[in-house]
Structures are given as structure tokens and as C-alpha cells.
């Protein structure tokens, strides 16, 4: 009788321990998934973003900033509103001029690139005589390593695309070489520089609003 009682208690204790373990494991997985869905680390490779960012630095990327919703899904949920068809909508706000973003490299989506957003959908971009023009107005850029020694455009940025450049203009593989970045390929906004420790800090996002820009 006593042995049966002990065996029952052991089974009950084991079951409770197993349930607690499974609950803890599930909670850990949920937290991990939430963190991975909102934050990602990124290592700077190369000199294309100098003098703002340097080779070997580590950044935190805010993925939640640019969470996107497929307009076709919303159109099915809101019958009669055809304006959403085919559009990509941002839950909080879309990338803005001056934001430093991480995205899938258009020529090889297995690789991630980091550049600065220069022009957004609807903007007309032109690069000439060492200056970048947005909607006919020159940008005042005090963060670049040197003036661009190439020409590009003019071209209007279509809906759902972004024009990006590296701050080290003449040593950067960016939109002036391989074209525009689709919105769906944008991973997130560079938010925090955390390594090396003596360079820790939030990354500034200058507002690139040239005179006459929207």
C-alpha cells in the first residue's frame, strides 16, 4: 500500500515537473521568436558607410520599425476598398530620407547590405556636379566622406521602391550602380551601435529635406 502511494506521488511530482519544464521551454521560445522578430544584430563590413560607420562595428537593427502588411490581405478584410490592392503598407511608418537601413541585396538576397535612404517613392533623384538633387533641390549632406564623382538620373522613384547610397559615395555599391531597393526587401532600421563599447550610442537620422522637397 505504502509503495503504491509513493509511486503515485512520484508520478504526480514528475508530471508537474514535466509540465513546468514544457511551460518554461515554450515561454523561452516565444520570447526568442519575439526578440528575433523585432531586433537583429549586424556587423559592418567594408568602408562604404564611412565616416558614419566603420568596418568591424556591430549594430542593433530595429526590424519592428518597418513592419509591413500586404495590402491584398487588408483588401480582403475590408471589401470594397480597392485602393489597397497590390500595395505594401507599413504598420508604423515607412523608411524616411536619412534613415540608415539594412536590406536584402537585390542581386543576391542571401546577403544583407546597409545604406542610407536618399529618396522615397515619388521623389525625383539626380546626381550631378558632385551633388545629390531631390525634386530639383540639392541636399545639404555633412555626413559624406566625399562628393560623388559620378552622374545619375534624373529618375522618379516608383511606388514601393527606395533609392539608397553609401556615405562613402565613391566607394559604395548602391543604387547608383545596381538600382532601387524594393520595400519588401527592407529588413529594418539601424538603431544602435553597441560594439566597440567606446563607440556605443544611438545612430542619428538626419532629415534630408532639401528646399522644395515633400
C-alpha atoms as a PDB file:
ATOM      1  CA  UNK A   1       0.000   0.000   0.000  1.00  0.00           C
ATOM      2  CA  UNK A   2       2.732   2.412   1.008  1.00  0.00           C
ATOM      3  CA  UNK A   3       4.735   1.574  -2.132  1.00  0.00           C
ATOM      4  CA  UNK A   4       1.720   2.361  -4.327  1.00  0.00           C
ATOM      5  CA  UNK A   5       1.235   5.706  -2.603  1.00  0.00           C
ATOM      6  CA  UNK A   6       4.920   6.595  -3.066  1.00  0.00           C
ATOM      7  CA  UNK A   7       4.792   5.600  -6.730  1.00  0.00           C
ATOM      8  CA  UNK A   8       1.689   7.753  -7.242  1.00  0.00           C
ATOM      9  CA  UNK A   9       3.351  10.743  -5.567  1.00  0.00           C
ATOM     10  CA  UNK A  10       6.455  10.295  -7.698  1.00  0.00           C
ATOM     11  CA  UNK A  11       4.361  10.157 -10.869  1.00  0.00           C
ATOM     12  CA  UNK A  12       2.475  13.294  -9.815  1.00  0.00           C
ATOM     13  CA  UNK A  13       5.703  15.137  -8.999  1.00  0.00           C
ATOM     14  CA  UNK A  14       7.266  14.043 -12.302  1.00  0.00           C
ATOM     15  CA  UNK A  15       4.192  15.153 -14.244  1.00  0.00           C
ATOM     16  CA  UNK A  16       4.232  18.546 -12.514  1.00  0.00           C
ATOM     17  CA  UNK A  17       7.947  18.917 -13.195  1.00  0.00           C
ATOM     18  CA  UNK A  18       7.452  17.970 -16.851  1.00  0.00           C
ATOM     19  CA  UNK A  19       4.603  20.473 -17.257  1.00  0.00           C
ATOM     20  CA  UNK A  20       6.710  23.216 -15.652  1.00  0.00           C
ATOM     21  CA  UNK A  21       9.622  22.386 -17.935  1.00  0.00           C
ATOM     22  CA  UNK A  22       7.426  22.472 -21.044  1.00  0.00           C
ATOM     23  CA  UNK A  23       5.854  25.790 -19.996  1.00  0.00           C
ATOM     24  CA  UNK A  24       9.299  27.304 -19.417  1.00  0.00           C
ATOM     25  CA  UNK A  25      10.585  25.980 -22.747  1.00  0.00           C
ATOM     26  CA  UNK A  26       7.525  27.335 -24.589  1.00  0.00           C
ATOM     27  CA  UNK A  27       7.864  30.741 -22.941  1.00  0.00           C
ATOM     28  CA  UNK A  28      11.560  30.826 -23.836  1.00  0.00           C
ATOM     29  CA  UNK A  29      10.780  30.026 -27.467  1.00  0.00           C
ATOM     30  CA  UNK A  30       8.094  32.708 -27.606  1.00  0.00           C
ATOM     31  CA  UNK A  31      10.453  35.317 -26.144  1.00  0.00           C
ATOM     32  CA  UNK A  32      13.192  34.261 -28.565  1.00  0.00           C
ATOM     33  CA  UNK A  33      10.808  34.491 -31.529  1.00  0.00           C
ATOM     34  CA  UNK A  34       9.603  37.923 -30.394  1.00  0.00           C
ATOM     35  CA  UNK A  35      13.154  39.229 -29.998  1.00  0.00           C
ATOM     36  CA  UNK A  36      14.274  37.805 -33.339  1.00  0.00           C
ATOM     37  CA  UNK A  37      11.208  39.338 -34.956  1.00  0.00           C
ATOM     38  CA  UNK A  38      11.973  42.813 -33.671  1.00  0.00           C
ATOM     39  CA  UNK A  39      15.755  43.041 -33.193  1.00  0.00           C
ATOM     40  CA  UNK A  40      18.696  41.796 -35.240  1.00  0.00           C
ATOM     41  CA  UNK A  41      22.417  42.390 -34.924  1.00  0.00           C
ATOM     42  CA  UNK A  42      24.505  43.448 -37.915  1.00  0.00           C
ATOM     43  CA  UNK A  43      28.265  43.635 -38.464  1.00  0.00           C
ATOM     44  CA  UNK A  44      29.679  46.395 -40.675  1.00  0.00           C
ATOM     45  CA  UNK A  45      31.917  45.016 -43.408  1.00  0.00           C
ATOM     46  CA  UNK A  46      33.925  47.382 -45.557  1.00  0.00           C
ATOM     47  CA  UNK A  47      34.123  51.149 -45.841  1.00  0.00           C
ATOM     48  CA  UNK A  48      31.004  52.056 -47.848  1.00  0.00           C
ATOM     49  CA  UNK A  49      29.349  53.868 -44.905  1.00  0.00           C
ATOM     50  CA  UNK A  50      32.369  55.808 -43.664  1.00  0.00           C
ATOM     51  CA  UNK A  51      32.702  58.222 -41.940  1.00  0.00           C
ATOM     52  CA  UNK A  52      29.401  57.335 -40.201  1.00  0.00           C
ATOM     53  CA  UNK A  53      30.052  53.623 -39.710  1.00  0.00           C
ATOM     54  CA  UNK A  54      33.318  51.694 -39.751  1.00  0.00           C
ATOM     55  CA  UNK A  55      34.434  48.176 -40.587  1.00  0.00           C
ATOM     56  CA  UNK A  56      34.016  45.785 -37.664  1.00  0.00           C
ATOM     57  CA  UNK A  57      31.377  47.760 -35.775  1.00  0.00           C
ATOM     58  CA  UNK A  58      28.265  45.935 -34.543  1.00  0.00           C
ATOM     59  CA  UNK A  59      24.784  47.438 -34.734  1.00  0.00           C
ATOM     60  CA  UNK A  60      21.321  46.617 -33.450  1.00  0.00           C
ATOM     61  CA  UNK A  61      18.706  46.694 -36.200  1.00  0.00           C
ATOM     62  CA  UNK A  62      15.120  47.627 -35.328  1.00  0.00           C
ATOM     63  CA  UNK A  63      13.004  45.345 -37.513  1.00  0.00           C
ATOM     64  CA  UNK A  64       9.690  46.375 -35.955  1.00  0.00           C
ATOM     65  CA  UNK A  65      10.136  49.959 -37.190  1.00  0.00           C
ATOM     66  CA  UNK A  66       9.284  48.904 -40.750  1.00  0.00           C
ATOM     67  CA  UNK A  67       6.855  46.042 -40.172  1.00  0.00           C
ATOM     68  CA  UNK A  68       4.828  45.652 -43.341  1.00  0.00           C
ATOM     69  CA  UNK A  69       1.312  44.483 -44.145  1.00  0.00           C
ATOM     70  CA  UNK A  70       0.277  43.100 -47.507  1.00  0.00           C
ATOM     71  CA  UNK A  71      -2.420  45.350 -48.934  1.00  0.00           C
ATOM     72  CA  UNK A  72      -4.119  42.410 -50.656  1.00  0.00           C
ATOM     73  CA  UNK A  73      -4.843  40.864 -47.249  1.00  0.00           C
ATOM     74  CA  UNK A  74      -6.350  44.098 -45.945  1.00  0.00           C
ATOM     75  CA  UNK A  75      -8.397  44.454 -49.128  1.00  0.00           C
ATOM     76  CA  UNK A  76      -9.976  41.058 -48.450  1.00  0.00           C
ATOM     77  CA  UNK A  77     -10.697  42.070 -44.859  1.00  0.00           C
ATOM     78  CA  UNK A  78     -12.152  45.399 -45.989  1.00  0.00           C
ATOM     79  CA  UNK A  79     -14.277  44.536 -49.031  1.00  0.00           C
ATOM     80  CA  UNK A  80     -14.984  47.420 -51.329  1.00  0.00           C
ATOM     81  CA  UNK A  81     -11.708  49.244 -50.680  1.00  0.00           C
ATOM     82  CA  UNK A  82      -9.779  48.598 -53.890  1.00  0.00           C
ATOM     83  CA  UNK A  83      -7.153  51.235 -53.087  1.00  0.00           C
ATOM     84  CA  UNK A  84      -5.219  48.683 -51.003  1.00  0.00           C
ATOM     85  CA  UNK A  85      -4.775  46.094 -53.763  1.00  0.00           C
ATOM     86  CA  UNK A  86      -1.154  45.369 -54.582  1.00  0.00           C
ATOM     87  CA  UNK A  87       0.234  47.828 -52.038  1.00  0.00           C
ATOM     88  CA  UNK A  88       2.691  47.217 -49.216  1.00  0.00           C
ATOM     89  CA  UNK A  89       1.657  49.128 -46.099  1.00  0.00           C
ATOM     90  CA  UNK A  90       3.884  49.931 -43.136  1.00  0.00           C
ATOM     91  CA  UNK A  91       2.401  49.285 -39.700  1.00  0.00           C
ATOM     92  CA  UNK A  92       4.170  52.245 -38.047  1.00  0.00           C
ATOM     93  CA  UNK A  93       5.819  54.344 -40.767  1.00  0.00           C
ATOM     94  CA  UNK A  94       7.833  53.757 -43.943  1.00  0.00           C
ATOM     95  CA  UNK A  95      11.556  54.469 -44.316  1.00  0.00           C
ATOM     96  CA  UNK A  96      12.311  58.175 -44.414  1.00  0.00           C
ATOM     97  CA  UNK A  97      15.043  60.189 -46.087  1.00  0.00           C
ATOM     98  CA  UNK A  98      18.180  59.996 -43.971  1.00  0.00           C
ATOM     99  CA  UNK A  99      17.375  56.635 -42.356  1.00  0.00           C
ATOM    100  CA  UNK A 100      20.180  54.069 -42.362  1.00  0.00           C
ATOM    101  CA  UNK A 101      18.600  50.755 -43.321  1.00  0.00           C
ATOM    102  CA  UNK A 102      19.573  47.112 -43.674  1.00  0.00           C
ATOM    103  CA  UNK A 103      18.089  45.284 -46.648  1.00  0.00           C
ATOM    104  CA  UNK A 104      18.500  42.254 -48.858  1.00  0.00           C
ATOM    105  CA  UNK A 105      20.991  42.920 -51.637  1.00  0.00           C
ATOM    106  CA  UNK A 106      18.865  42.971 -54.836  1.00  0.00           C
ATOM    107  CA  UNK A 107      21.447  40.985 -56.813  1.00  0.00           C
ATOM    108  CA  UNK A 108      21.859  38.308 -54.136  1.00  0.00           C
ATOM    109  CA  UNK A 109      19.120  38.203 -51.476  1.00  0.00           C
ATOM    110  CA  UNK A 110      21.271  35.880 -49.342  1.00  0.00           C
ATOM    111  CA  UNK A 111      23.404  38.921 -48.496  1.00  0.00           C
ATOM    112  CA  UNK A 112      22.388  41.904 -46.359  1.00  0.00           C
ATOM    113  CA  UNK A 113      23.539  45.449 -47.181  1.00  0.00           C
ATOM    114  CA  UNK A 114      23.431  48.672 -45.187  1.00  0.00           C
ATOM    115  CA  UNK A 115      22.987  52.108 -46.796  1.00  0.00           C
ATOM    116  CA  UNK A 116      21.272  55.447 -46.252  1.00  0.00           C
ATOM    117  CA  UNK A 117      17.846  56.238 -47.722  1.00  0.00           C
ATOM    118  CA  UNK A 118      18.224  59.225 -50.017  1.00  0.00           C
ATOM    119  CA  UNK A 119      14.921  59.237 -51.902  1.00  0.00           C
ATOM    120  CA  UNK A 120      11.484  57.786 -51.225  1.00  0.00           C
ATOM    121  CA  UNK A 121       8.617  56.871 -53.580  1.00  0.00           C
ATOM    122  CA  UNK A 122       7.535  59.869 -55.639  1.00  0.00           C
ATOM    123  CA  UNK A 123      10.870  61.704 -55.367  1.00  0.00           C
ATOM    124  CA  UNK A 124      12.880  62.609 -58.446  1.00  0.00           C
ATOM    125  CA  UNK A 125      16.591  61.967 -57.952  1.00  0.00           C
ATOM    126  CA  UNK A 126      19.543  63.320 -59.878  1.00  0.00           C
ATOM    127  CA  UNK A 127      23.273  63.272 -59.144  1.00  0.00           C
ATOM    128  CA  UNK A 128      25.451  65.761 -60.995  1.00  0.00           C
ATOM    129  CA  UNK A 129      28.406  68.060 -60.405  1.00  0.00           C
ATOM    130  CA  UNK A 130      29.177  66.410 -57.066  1.00  0.00           C
ATOM    131  CA  UNK A 131      25.704  66.960 -55.584  1.00  0.00           C
ATOM    132  CA  UNK A 132      22.553  64.949 -54.998  1.00  0.00           C
ATOM    133  CA  UNK A 133      19.326  66.649 -56.036  1.00  0.00           C
ATOM    134  CA  UNK A 134      15.902  65.665 -54.718  1.00  0.00           C
ATOM    135  CA  UNK A 135      12.972  67.141 -56.618  1.00  0.00           C
ATOM    136  CA  UNK A 136      15.338  69.655 -58.184  1.00  0.00           C
ATOM    137  CA  UNK A 137      16.831  70.847 -54.873  1.00  0.00           C
ATOM    138  CA  UNK A 138      20.378  69.984 -53.691  1.00  0.00           C
ATOM    139  CA  UNK A 139      20.768  68.062 -50.441  1.00  0.00           C
ATOM    140  CA  UNK A 140      22.989  69.515 -47.749  1.00  0.00           C
ATOM    141  CA  UNK A 141      24.941  66.476 -46.598  1.00  0.00           C
ATOM    142  CA  UNK A 142      27.571  66.971 -43.912  1.00  0.00           C
ATOM    143  CA  UNK A 143      27.977  63.238 -43.227  1.00  0.00           C
ATOM    144  CA  UNK A 144      29.526  62.085 -46.522  1.00  0.00           C
ATOM    145  CA  UNK A 145      33.193  61.171 -46.943  1.00  0.00           C
ATOM    146  CA  UNK A 146      33.462  62.973 -50.286  1.00  0.00           C
ATOM    147  CA  UNK A 147      31.314  64.321 -53.083  1.00  0.00           C
ATOM    148  CA  UNK A 148      30.190  61.802 -55.709  1.00  0.00           C
ATOM    149  CA  UNK A 149      32.331  61.825 -58.839  1.00  0.00           C
ATOM    150  CA  UNK A 150      29.585  60.263 -60.980  1.00  0.00           C
ATOM    151  CA  UNK A 151      26.267  61.275 -62.525  1.00  0.00           C
ATOM    152  CA  UNK A 152      22.893  59.548 -62.253  1.00  0.00           C
ATOM    153  CA  UNK A 153      19.338  60.287 -63.333  1.00  0.00           C
ATOM    154  CA  UNK A 154      17.160  62.213 -63.233  1.00  0.00           C
ATOM    155  CA  UNK A 155      14.686  59.458 -62.367  1.00  0.00           C
ATOM    156  CA  UNK A 156      11.459  59.393 -60.410  1.00  0.00           C
ATOM    157  CA  UNK A 157      11.257  56.714 -57.735  1.00  0.00           C
ATOM    158  CA  UNK A 158       8.212  54.492 -58.344  1.00  0.00           C
ATOM    159  CA  UNK A 159       5.853  53.317 -55.586  1.00  0.00           C
ATOM    160  CA  UNK A 160       7.296  50.597 -53.384  1.00  0.00           C
ATOM    161  CA  UNK A 161      10.957  51.416 -54.055  1.00  0.00           C
ATOM    162  CA  UNK A 162      13.763  53.380 -52.377  1.00  0.00           C
ATOM    163  CA  UNK A 163      16.970  54.985 -53.603  1.00  0.00           C
ATOM    164  CA  UNK A 164      19.914  54.357 -51.261  1.00  0.00           C
ATOM    165  CA  UNK A 165      23.545  55.470 -51.193  1.00  0.00           C
ATOM    166  CA  UNK A 166      26.563  54.774 -49.021  1.00  0.00           C
ATOM    167  CA  UNK A 167      28.036  57.750 -47.140  1.00  0.00           C
ATOM    168  CA  UNK A 168      31.405  56.936 -48.702  1.00  0.00           C
ATOM    169  CA  UNK A 169      29.936  57.904 -52.071  1.00  0.00           C
ATOM    170  CA  UNK A 170      32.790  56.939 -54.384  1.00  0.00           C
ATOM    171  CA  UNK A 171      33.481  53.605 -52.694  1.00  0.00           C
ATOM    172  CA  UNK A 172      29.985  52.209 -52.274  1.00  0.00           C
ATOM    173  CA  UNK A 173      27.968  49.629 -54.172  1.00  0.00           C
ATOM    174  CA  UNK A 174      24.500  51.132 -54.011  1.00  0.00           C
ATOM    175  CA  UNK A 175      21.512  52.354 -56.025  1.00  0.00           C
ATOM    176  CA  UNK A 176      23.612  54.377 -58.454  1.00  0.00           C
ATOM    177  CA  UNK A 177      25.137  51.055 -59.608  1.00  0.00           C
ATOM    178  CA  UNK A 178      22.507  48.332 -59.266  1.00  0.00           C
ATOM    179  CA  UNK A 179      19.219  50.209 -58.935  1.00  0.00           C
ATOM    180  CA  UNK A 180      16.446  50.636 -56.390  1.00  0.00           C
ATOM    181  CA  UNK A 181      15.563  48.681 -53.234  1.00  0.00           C
ATOM    182  CA  UNK A 182      12.069  47.117 -53.115  1.00  0.00           C
ATOM    183  CA  UNK A 183      10.165  47.837 -49.914  1.00  0.00           C
ATOM    184  CA  UNK A 184       9.648  44.132 -49.242  1.00  0.00           C
ATOM    185  CA  UNK A 185      13.429  43.598 -49.133  1.00  0.00           C
ATOM    186  CA  UNK A 186      13.976  46.089 -46.303  1.00  0.00           C
ATOM    187  CA  UNK A 187      14.840  44.327 -43.035  1.00  0.00           C
ATOM    188  CA  UNK A 188      14.958  47.207 -40.584  1.00  0.00           C
ATOM    189  CA  UNK A 189      16.450  50.476 -39.411  1.00  0.00           C
ATOM    190  CA  UNK A 190      19.964  50.725 -37.986  1.00  0.00           C
ATOM    191  CA  UNK A 191      19.237  51.862 -34.459  1.00  0.00           C
ATOM    192  CA  UNK A 192      22.105  51.330 -32.017  1.00  0.00           C
ATOM    193  CA  UNK A 193      25.874  50.948 -32.306  1.00  0.00           C
ATOM    194  CA  UNK A 194      26.987  48.664 -29.447  1.00  0.00           C
ATOM    195  CA  UNK A 195      30.495  47.474 -30.370  1.00  0.00           C
ATOM    196  CA  UNK A 196      33.218  48.532 -29.763  1.00  0.00           C
ATOM    197  CA  UNK A 197      31.961  49.669 -26.324  1.00  0.00           C
ATOM    198  CA  UNK A 198      33.688  53.058 -26.554  1.00  0.00           C
ATOM    199  CA  UNK A 199      31.616  53.827 -29.686  1.00  0.00           C
ATOM    200  CA  UNK A 200      28.286  52.818 -28.140  1.00  0.00           C
ATOM    201  CA  UNK A 201      25.349  55.074 -28.942  1.00  0.00           C
ATOM    202  CA  UNK A 202      22.183  55.682 -30.938  1.00  0.00           C
ATOM    203  CA  UNK A 203      22.619  56.359 -34.637  1.00  0.00           C
ATOM    204  CA  UNK A 204      21.441  59.788 -35.796  1.00  0.00           C
ATOM    205  CA  UNK A 205      18.991  60.096 -38.694  1.00  0.00           C
ATOM    206  CA  UNK A 206      19.407  63.493 -40.323  1.00  0.00           C
ATOM    207  CA  UNK A 207      16.308  64.805 -42.021  1.00  0.00           C
ATOM    208  CA  UNK A 208      17.139  65.109 -45.709  1.00  0.00           C
ATOM    209  CA  UNK A 209      14.594  67.764 -46.561  1.00  0.00           C
ATOM    210  CA  UNK A 210      16.011  69.868 -49.364  1.00  0.00           C
ATOM    211  CA  UNK A 211      14.215  73.088 -50.145  1.00  0.00           C
ATOM    212  CA  UNK A 212      11.152  72.209 -52.140  1.00  0.00           C
ATOM    213  CA  UNK A 213      11.152  68.552 -51.097  1.00  0.00           C
ATOM    214  CA  UNK A 214       7.982  66.900 -49.900  1.00  0.00           C
END
